[in-house]
Amino acid sequence: MNQIKSWLDNIGWEYDKIEVASSDASFRSYYRVYKDETSYVLMDSSKQIDSLKPFLDIQTRLFSVGVRVPQVLQKNLELGFLILEDFGSTHLLDVLNDDNKKEHYRQAIDEIVLMQKADVSELPLYDKEFLIFEMSLMNEWYLDKHLNIHLDIQKLSILTNIIETIADEVLSQPQGVFVHRDFHSRNIMIDKNGKLGIIDFQDARCGSITYDLVSLLKDCYIETDEVLRDDLVLYFRDKKGLDVDDGTMLRWFDMMGLQRHIKVLGIFARLYHRDGKDGYLKDIPLTLKYVLETADKYPQTKQLCEILK
């Protein structure tokens, strides 16, 4: 905190008080800096300085297509500090209920459509190798380290084949669009006027058309009714103008969901065992439910249920 205060003094940034706002799954911390009736967010990436340039790059790409991302007001890349526009402390998760879910999710889907207009040149690709790498985290961290389950050669071979099949299925759908990678209800802010603001976008890649849709509608922190979820998937298809039938669109969504949630099982377990963060363990049951329900729907992924059960 002393280094932050020293930096603010050096740049002549007057303030009345500073308080801790939040931290995330990385090594970034956030503070709220108050001056009179206005507040700003100070992002402290001093423990992860190399994450600042990607953040600024992606912020520029999204801002240029009209996505509401925080404006950058001050920066120091050497120290790892940014001062950002403050979208407030209300996450979409805080306000979602059965009466407003459809409206808010449609708003968020409109933001996905907008994000997918962003420039993706030189962004890392969500290619087959990376899709498989992400899914491999489940065996290493969730099964092996978290549950102490060590697959025999036969089951490991089955899992390897299923993971490769899922990757191929994901790559069979339209590619080459901007992917936020963590577009869920905790990374979407909502202000007093009901406008959405998008945060935590610095790990963006270029990939599948349904990735962010899955993050939103199969959120690991809140469950949505399947009928509404399917309706919203088709709403996205229509907003994008995709010429594809209902069944194919929902299959694309399902396969992308399998890839993401297999990965997330590994990440939630890794956050606990490697990084000492136990706050995500409570979100494993819903994530696992998504995987089991979806895997059970398709012959080529059914055996995944047997392995996980």
Protein backbone atom coordinates (compact mmCIF):
# COMPACT_ATOMS: atom_id res chain seq x y z
CA MET A 1 0.00 0.00 0.00
CA ASN A 2 2.88 2.38 0.75
CA GLN A 3 4.18 2.04 -2.80
CA ILE A 4 0.71 2.80 -4.18
CA LYS A 5 0.37 5.91 -2.02
CA SER A 6 3.84 7.05 -3.02
CA TRP A 7 2.99 6.66 -6.70
CA LEU A 8 -0.28 8.58 -6.33
CA ASP A 9 1.60 11.40 -4.59
CA ASN A 10 4.26 11.45 -7.33
CA ILE A 11 1.68 11.84 -10.12
CA GLY A 12 -0.28 14.42 -8.14
CA TRP A 13 -3.40 12.25 -7.84
CA GLU A 14 -5.37 13.68 -4.95
CA TYR A 15 -7.55 11.34 -2.92
CA ASP A 16 -9.52 11.23 0.30
CA LYS A 17 -9.17 7.52 1.05
CA ILE A 18 -8.15 4.17 -0.41
CA GLU A 19 -9.81 0.86 0.39
CA VAL A 20 -9.41 -2.72 -0.79
CA ALA A 21 -11.92 -3.50 -3.55
CA SER A 22 -11.17 -7.13 -4.46
CA SER A 23 -8.66 -9.64 -5.72
CA ASP A 24 -9.13 -12.26 -8.43
CA ALA A 25 -7.92 -15.73 -9.33
CA SER A 26 -4.63 -14.28 -10.55
CA PHE A 27 -2.14 -12.28 -8.51
CA ARG A 28 -3.78 -8.92 -9.22
CA SER A 29 -5.34 -6.80 -6.48
CA TYR A 30 -7.81 -3.95 -6.79
CA TYR A 31 -8.32 -0.84 -4.68
CA ARG A 32 -10.99 1.82 -4.75
CA VAL A 33 -9.59 5.35 -4.61
CA TYR A 34 -12.03 8.08 -3.53
CA LYS A 35 -11.91 11.80 -4.24
CA ASP A 36 -14.93 13.87 -3.20
CA GLU A 37 -17.98 12.11 -4.68
CA THR A 38 -16.04 10.16 -7.33
CA SER A 39 -14.26 6.82 -7.09
CA TYR A 40 -11.68 5.14 -9.29
CA VAL A 41 -10.27 1.62 -9.42
CA LEU A 42 -6.55 1.12 -8.95
CA MET A 43 -5.34 -2.17 -10.38
CA ASP A 44 -2.19 -3.48 -8.72
CA SER A 45 -0.40 -5.93 -10.99
CA SER A 46 2.97 -5.52 -9.31
CA LYS A 47 3.13 -9.30 -8.74
CA GLN A 48 2.18 -9.96 -12.37
CA ILE A 49 3.56 -6.98 -14.30
CA ASP A 50 3.61 -8.85 -17.61
CA SER A 51 -0.22 -8.93 -17.53
CA LEU A 52 -0.51 -5.15 -17.98
CA LYS A 53 0.40 -4.89 -21.65
CA PRO A 54 -2.16 -7.53 -22.68
CA PHE A 55 -4.78 -5.73 -20.58
CA LEU A 56 -4.09 -2.41 -22.30
CA ASP A 57 -3.99 -4.03 -25.74
CA ILE A 58 -7.34 -5.77 -25.28
CA GLN A 59 -8.90 -2.70 -23.67
CA THR A 60 -8.07 -0.73 -26.81
CA ARG A 61 -9.46 -3.41 -29.13
CA LEU A 62 -12.77 -3.63 -27.25
CA PHE A 63 -13.15 0.11 -26.72
CA SER A 64 -12.70 0.70 -30.46
CA VAL A 65 -15.79 -1.41 -31.32
CA GLY A 66 -18.00 0.16 -28.65
CA VAL A 67 -17.75 -2.44 -25.88
CA ARG A 68 -18.07 -0.72 -22.50
CA VAL A 69 -14.73 -1.44 -20.84
CA PRO A 70 -13.06 0.75 -18.17
CA GLN A 71 -11.20 3.74 -19.51
CA VAL A 72 -7.54 3.92 -18.48
CA LEU A 73 -6.83 7.20 -16.68
CA GLN A 74 -3.25 6.68 -15.46
CA LYS A 75 -0.67 3.94 -15.88
CA ASN A 76 2.79 2.93 -14.74
CA LEU A 77 3.99 -0.19 -16.50
CA GLU A 78 7.21 -0.40 -14.48
CA LEU A 79 5.43 -0.53 -11.12
CA GLY A 80 2.41 -2.44 -12.45
CA PHE A 81 -0.28 0.12 -11.59
CA LEU A 82 -3.30 1.34 -13.53
CA ILE A 83 -6.02 3.78 -12.52
CA LEU A 84 -9.29 2.84 -14.19
CA GLU A 85 -12.81 4.12 -14.56
CA ASP A 86 -14.95 2.66 -11.78
CA PHE A 87 -18.02 0.68 -12.88
CA GLY A 88 -19.13 0.28 -9.25
CA SER A 89 -19.25 -2.84 -7.13
CA THR A 90 -22.45 -4.48 -8.39
CA HIS A 91 -21.83 -7.59 -10.46
CA LEU A 92 -24.46 -9.05 -12.76
CA LEU A 93 -24.49 -12.04 -10.40
CA ASP A 94 -25.75 -9.75 -7.61
CA VAL A 95 -28.93 -8.75 -9.44
CA LEU A 96 -29.91 -11.81 -11.46
CA ASN A 97 -33.26 -13.40 -10.62
CA ASP A 98 -35.90 -15.42 -12.46
CA ASP A 99 -37.78 -12.28 -13.47
CA ASN A 100 -34.87 -10.39 -15.05
CA LYS A 101 -32.51 -13.15 -16.26
CA LYS A 102 -33.79 -13.17 -19.83
CA GLU A 103 -33.46 -9.40 -20.22
CA HIS A 104 -30.01 -9.18 -18.63
CA TYR A 105 -28.67 -12.18 -20.52
CA ARG A 106 -29.89 -10.74 -23.80
CA GLN A 107 -28.03 -7.53 -22.93
CA ALA A 108 -24.89 -9.55 -22.25
CA ILE A 109 -25.30 -11.55 -25.48
CA ASP A 110 -25.50 -8.29 -27.39
CA GLU A 111 -22.11 -7.44 -25.84
CA ILE A 112 -20.70 -10.76 -27.07
CA VAL A 113 -21.87 -9.96 -30.59
CA LEU A 114 -20.16 -6.58 -30.27
CA MET A 115 -16.96 -8.09 -28.84
CA GLN A 116 -16.77 -10.48 -31.77
CA LYS A 117 -16.31 -7.47 -34.05
CA ALA A 118 -13.02 -6.63 -32.32
CA ASP A 119 -9.69 -6.97 -34.08
CA VAL A 120 -8.14 -10.39 -33.41
CA SER A 121 -4.87 -9.95 -35.30
CA GLU A 122 -1.92 -11.42 -33.41
CA LEU A 123 -4.09 -12.71 -30.58
CA PRO A 124 -3.08 -16.25 -29.52
CA LEU A 125 -5.21 -18.91 -31.15
CA TYR A 126 -7.56 -21.35 -29.48
CA ASP A 127 -6.14 -24.17 -31.59
CA LYS A 128 -6.41 -27.90 -31.02
CA GLU A 129 -3.22 -28.09 -28.99
CA PHE A 130 -4.42 -25.41 -26.56
CA LEU A 131 -7.94 -26.85 -26.28
CA ILE A 132 -6.45 -30.23 -25.34
CA PHE A 133 -3.92 -28.68 -22.96
CA GLU A 134 -6.71 -26.91 -21.06
CA MET A 135 -8.77 -30.09 -20.74
CA SER A 136 -5.73 -32.03 -19.51
CA LEU A 137 -5.79 -29.87 -16.36
CA MET A 138 -8.77 -31.88 -15.15
CA ASN A 139 -6.87 -35.16 -14.92
CA GLU A 140 -3.77 -33.56 -13.42
CA TRP A 141 -5.39 -31.33 -10.80
CA TYR A 142 -8.99 -32.48 -10.24
CA LEU A 143 -8.76 -36.27 -10.53
CA ASP A 144 -5.15 -36.86 -9.55
CA LYS A 145 -4.39 -34.21 -6.92
CA HIS A 146 -7.85 -33.25 -5.65
CA LEU A 147 -9.67 -36.60 -5.61
CA ASN A 148 -6.55 -38.80 -5.48
CA ILE A 149 -7.93 -40.84 -8.39
CA HIS A 150 -5.24 -42.23 -10.68
CA LEU A 151 -6.62 -43.54 -13.98
CA ASP A 152 -5.36 -46.86 -15.28
CA ILE A 153 -4.05 -47.15 -18.82
CA GLN A 154 -7.43 -48.15 -20.26
CA LYS A 155 -9.36 -45.27 -18.67
CA LEU A 156 -6.61 -42.82 -19.51
CA SER A 157 -6.83 -43.90 -23.14
CA ILE A 158 -10.63 -43.43 -23.11
CA LEU A 159 -10.26 -39.97 -21.57
CA THR A 160 -7.59 -38.99 -24.11
CA ASN A 161 -9.85 -40.04 -27.01
CA ILE A 162 -12.85 -38.17 -25.59
CA ILE A 163 -10.79 -35.01 -25.08
CA GLU A 164 -9.53 -35.17 -28.66
CA THR A 165 -13.08 -35.72 -29.94
CA ILE A 166 -14.34 -32.69 -28.02
CA ALA A 167 -11.52 -30.55 -29.43
CA ASP A 168 -12.38 -31.66 -32.99
CA GLU A 169 -16.07 -30.91 -32.38
CA VAL A 170 -15.23 -27.42 -31.10
CA LEU A 171 -13.03 -26.71 -34.12
CA SER A 172 -15.81 -27.81 -36.49
CA GLN A 173 -17.85 -24.71 -35.62
CA PRO A 174 -17.06 -21.17 -36.84
CA GLN A 175 -13.71 -19.85 -35.56
CA GLY A 176 -11.66 -16.68 -35.76
CA VAL A 177 -13.59 -14.39 -33.41
CA PHE A 178 -12.61 -12.50 -30.29
CA VAL A 179 -12.93 -14.66 -27.15
CA HIS A 180 -12.99 -12.94 -23.75
CA ARG A 181 -12.45 -16.35 -22.08
CA ASP A 182 -14.08 -15.47 -18.75
CA PHE A 183 -17.34 -13.78 -19.72
CA HIS A 184 -19.49 -14.66 -16.71
CA SER A 185 -21.67 -12.90 -14.14
CA ARG A 186 -18.75 -11.92 -11.89
CA ASN A 187 -16.92 -10.18 -14.73
CA ILE A 188 -19.93 -8.18 -15.91
CA MET A 189 -20.67 -5.08 -13.87
CA ILE A 190 -24.02 -3.31 -13.86
CA ASP A 191 -24.39 0.35 -12.94
CA LYS A 192 -27.32 2.24 -11.41
CA ASN A 193 -28.69 2.92 -14.91
CA GLY A 194 -28.70 -0.77 -15.81
CA LYS A 195 -25.77 -0.48 -18.23
CA LEU A 196 -23.28 -3.34 -18.43
CA GLY A 197 -19.54 -2.92 -18.08
CA ILE A 198 -17.04 -5.64 -19.01
CA ILE A 199 -13.91 -6.41 -16.97
CA ASP A 200 -11.11 -9.02 -16.68
CA PHE A 201 -10.56 -9.39 -20.41
CA GLN A 202 -6.75 -9.43 -20.58
CA ASP A 203 -6.45 -13.16 -21.36
CA ALA A 204 -8.43 -12.91 -24.61
CA ARG A 205 -7.75 -15.23 -27.53
CA CYS A 206 -9.03 -15.83 -31.03
CA GLY A 207 -11.31 -18.83 -31.18
CA SER A 208 -14.76 -20.35 -31.32
CA ILE A 209 -17.98 -18.45 -31.81
CA THR A 210 -19.68 -20.08 -28.79
CA TYR A 211 -16.97 -19.84 -26.12
CA ASP A 212 -18.15 -16.64 -24.41
CA LEU A 213 -21.76 -17.72 -24.81
CA VAL A 214 -20.99 -20.85 -22.78
CA SER A 215 -19.19 -18.81 -20.11
CA LEU A 216 -22.29 -16.64 -19.76
CA LEU A 217 -25.13 -19.16 -19.98
CA LYS A 218 -23.40 -22.09 -18.26
CA ASP A 219 -21.92 -19.87 -15.58
CA CYS A 220 -20.04 -21.77 -12.87
CA TYR A 221 -21.50 -19.45 -10.22
CA ILE A 222 -25.20 -19.44 -11.07
CA GLU A 223 -27.41 -21.92 -12.93
CA THR A 224 -29.96 -21.03 -15.59
CA ASP A 225 -33.03 -23.04 -16.51
CA GLU A 226 -32.32 -25.25 -19.53
CA VAL A 227 -35.34 -24.03 -21.51
CA LEU A 228 -34.33 -20.39 -21.10
CA ARG A 229 -30.71 -21.28 -21.81
CA ASP A 230 -31.54 -22.96 -25.12
CA ASP A 231 -33.77 -20.03 -26.06
CA LEU A 232 -30.87 -17.63 -25.41
CA VAL A 233 -28.43 -19.75 -27.43
CA LEU A 234 -30.79 -19.45 -30.40
CA TYR A 235 -31.19 -15.71 -29.69
CA PHE A 236 -27.41 -15.41 -30.08
CA ARG A 237 -27.53 -17.37 -33.35
CA ASP A 238 -30.18 -15.03 -34.73
CA LYS A 239 -28.34 -11.88 -33.58
CA LYS A 240 -25.20 -13.17 -35.34
CA GLY A 241 -27.16 -14.08 -38.45
CA LEU A 242 -25.81 -17.64 -38.45
CA ASP A 243 -27.39 -19.91 -41.05
CA VAL A 244 -27.56 -23.07 -38.94
CA ASP A 245 -30.41 -25.21 -37.60
CA ASP A 246 -31.39 -25.39 -33.92
CA GLY A 247 -29.90 -28.83 -33.32
CA THR A 248 -26.50 -27.95 -34.77
CA MET A 249 -26.31 -24.68 -32.85
CA LEU A 250 -27.16 -26.36 -29.55
CA ARG A 251 -24.61 -29.11 -30.24
CA TRP A 252 -21.92 -26.49 -30.87
CA PHE A 253 -22.85 -24.91 -27.56
CA ASP A 254 -22.76 -28.24 -25.73
CA MET A 255 -19.37 -29.29 -27.07
CA MET A 256 -17.84 -25.93 -26.27
CA GLY A 257 -19.35 -26.22 -22.80
CA LEU A 258 -17.72 -29.60 -22.28
CA GLN A 259 -14.33 -28.20 -23.20
CA ARG A 260 -14.66 -25.21 -20.89
CA HIS A 261 -16.02 -27.05 -17.88
CA ILE A 262 -13.57 -29.95 -18.10
CA LYS A 263 -10.87 -27.26 -18.00
CA VAL A 264 -12.53 -25.38 -15.13
CA LEU A 265 -12.63 -28.50 -12.93
CA GLY A 266 -8.86 -28.57 -13.24
CA ILE A 267 -8.46 -24.85 -12.67
CA PHE A 268 -10.65 -24.73 -9.54
CA ALA A 269 -8.68 -27.63 -8.07
CA ARG A 270 -5.36 -26.02 -9.05
CA LEU A 271 -6.33 -22.72 -7.42
CA TYR A 272 -6.75 -24.64 -4.18
CA HIS A 273 -3.83 -27.03 -4.27
CA ARG A 274 -1.20 -24.83 -5.95
CA ASP A 275 -2.28 -21.30 -5.02
CA GLY A 276 -3.94 -21.88 -1.65
CA LYS A 277 -7.26 -20.36 -2.76
CA ASP A 278 -10.18 -22.43 -1.49
CA GLY A 279 -12.98 -20.05 -2.49
CA TYR A 280 -13.64 -21.89 -5.77
CA LEU A 281 -14.10 -25.37 -4.27
CA LYS A 282 -17.78 -24.62 -3.59
CA ASP A 283 -18.27 -24.03 -7.34
CA ILE A 284 -17.02 -27.48 -8.37
CA PRO A 285 -20.41 -29.28 -7.92
CA LEU A 286 -22.23 -27.08 -10.47
CA THR A 287 -19.30 -27.30 -12.88
CA LEU A 288 -19.27 -31.09 -12.54
CA LYS A 289 -23.04 -31.18 -13.06
CA TYR A 290 -22.64 -29.33 -16.37
CA VAL A 291 -20.02 -31.84 -17.54
CA LEU A 292 -22.02 -34.93 -16.55
CA GLU A 293 -25.33 -33.72 -18.00
CA THR A 294 -23.78 -32.74 -21.33
CA ALA A 295 -21.45 -35.73 -21.69
CA ASP A 296 -24.39 -38.07 -21.11
CA LYS A 297 -26.26 -36.60 -24.12
CA TYR A 298 -23.78 -37.74 -26.78
CA PRO A 299 -22.56 -41.30 -27.52
CA GLN A 300 -18.95 -40.23 -28.09
CA THR A 301 -18.70 -38.57 -24.66
CA LYS A 302 -20.86 -40.87 -22.50
CA GLN A 303 -17.88 -42.75 -21.09
CA LEU A 304 -16.66 -39.52 -19.52
CA CYS A 305 -19.57 -39.84 -17.07
CA GLU A 306 -18.33 -43.26 -15.96
CA ILE A 307 -14.83 -41.90 -15.36
CA LEU A 308 -16.07 -38.90 -13.37
CA LYS A 309 -18.65 -40.78 -11.33
